[in-house]
Amino acid sequence: MLAGLVALAAAISVTPVGGEWRDSLQSALADLVHTLVVTVPSSSTCKDRFS
């Protein structure tokens, strides 16, 4: 099943529409990671807060 999903993803990614999807997904994931990094406190902040 995993091999089928990988083959499907590879087939979609080589099409023009798949390339657009990949680009938009990368942008959305980058925004999500940035939001998480900004909003989730670092472990040192948590240690100081709960000490």
C-alpha atoms as a PDB file:
ATOM      1  CA  MET A   1       0.000   0.000   0.000  1.00  0.00           C
ATOM      2  CA  LEU A   2       2.828   2.396   0.859  1.00  0.00           C
ATOM      3  CA  ALA A   3       4.481   1.694  -2.490  1.00  0.00           C
ATOM      4  CA  GLY A   4       1.222   2.540  -4.229  1.00  0.00           C
ATOM      5  CA  LEU A   5       0.923   5.838  -2.370  1.00  0.00           C
ATOM      6  CA  VAL A   6       4.513   6.726  -3.217  1.00  0.00           C
ATOM      7  CA  ALA A   7       3.897   5.893  -6.880  1.00  0.00           C
ATOM      8  CA  LEU A   8       0.739   7.999  -6.892  1.00  0.00           C
ATOM      9  CA  ALA A   9       2.528  10.946  -5.283  1.00  0.00           C
ATOM     10  CA  ALA A  10       5.366  10.660  -7.811  1.00  0.00           C
ATOM     11  CA  ALA A  11       2.923  10.543 -10.715  1.00  0.00           C
ATOM     12  CA  ILE A  12       1.031  13.601  -9.484  1.00  0.00           C
ATOM     13  CA  SER A  13       4.189  15.573  -8.753  1.00  0.00           C
ATOM     14  CA  VAL A  14       5.446  15.381 -12.350  1.00  0.00           C
ATOM     15  CA  THR A  15       2.266  16.947 -13.762  1.00  0.00           C
ATOM     16  CA  PRO A  16       1.911  20.739 -13.944  1.00  0.00           C
ATOM     17  CA  VAL A  17      -1.037  20.685 -11.542  1.00  0.00           C
ATOM     18  CA  GLY A  18       0.884  18.441  -9.148  1.00  0.00           C
ATOM     19  CA  GLY A  19       3.777  20.888  -9.212  1.00  0.00           C
ATOM     20  CA  GLU A  20       1.422  23.706  -8.255  1.00  0.00           C
ATOM     21  CA  TRP A  21      -0.008  21.588  -5.432  1.00  0.00           C
ATOM     22  CA  ARG A  22       3.494  20.793  -4.188  1.00  0.00           C
ATOM     23  CA  ASP A  23       4.465  24.474  -4.220  1.00  0.00           C
ATOM     24  CA  SER A  24       1.326  25.545  -2.374  1.00  0.00           C
ATOM     25  CA  LEU A  25       1.757  22.736   0.156  1.00  0.00           C
ATOM     26  CA  GLN A  26       5.361  23.755   0.802  1.00  0.00           C
ATOM     27  CA  SER A  27       4.237  27.335   1.373  1.00  0.00           C
ATOM     28  CA  ALA A  28       1.450  26.249   3.728  1.00  0.00           C
ATOM     29  CA  LEU A  29       3.810  23.981   5.693  1.00  0.00           C
ATOM     30  CA  ALA A  30       6.399  26.752   5.967  1.00  0.00           C
ATOM     31  CA  ASP A  31       3.728  29.093   7.351  1.00  0.00           C
ATOM     32  CA  LEU A  32       2.592  26.425   9.820  1.00  0.00           C
ATOM     33  CA  VAL A  33       6.128  25.761  11.046  1.00  0.00           C
ATOM     34  CA  HIS A  34       6.762  29.485  11.431  1.00  0.00           C
ATOM     35  CA  THR A  35       3.546  29.891  13.422  1.00  0.00           C
ATOM     36  CA  LEU A  36       4.447  26.980  15.690  1.00  0.00           C
ATOM     37  CA  VAL A  37       7.962  28.261  16.291  1.00  0.00           C
ATOM     38  CA  VAL A  38       6.667  31.715  17.173  1.00  0.00           C
ATOM     39  CA  THR A  39       3.760  30.629  19.397  1.00  0.00           C
ATOM     40  CA  VAL A  40       5.169  27.567  21.180  1.00  0.00           C
ATOM     41  CA  PRO A  41       7.522  28.610  23.977  1.00  0.00           C
ATOM     42  CA  SER A  42      10.979  27.092  24.097  1.00  0.00           C
ATOM     43  CA  SER A  43      11.811  24.475  26.722  1.00  0.00           C
ATOM     44  CA  SER A  44      14.012  26.911  28.673  1.00  0.00           C
ATOM     45  CA  THR A  45      11.094  29.326  28.986  1.00  0.00           C
ATOM     46  CA  CYS A  46       8.893  26.527  30.303  1.00  0.00           C
ATOM     47  CA  LYS A  47      11.531  25.501  32.849  1.00  0.00           C
ATOM     48  CA  ASP A  48      11.781  29.059  34.170  1.00  0.00           C
ATOM     49  CA  ARG A  49       8.032  29.476  34.267  1.00  0.00           C
ATOM     50  CA  PHE A  50       7.356  26.254  36.214  1.00  0.00           C
ATOM     51  CA  SER A  51      10.389  26.278  38.504  1.00  0.00           C
END
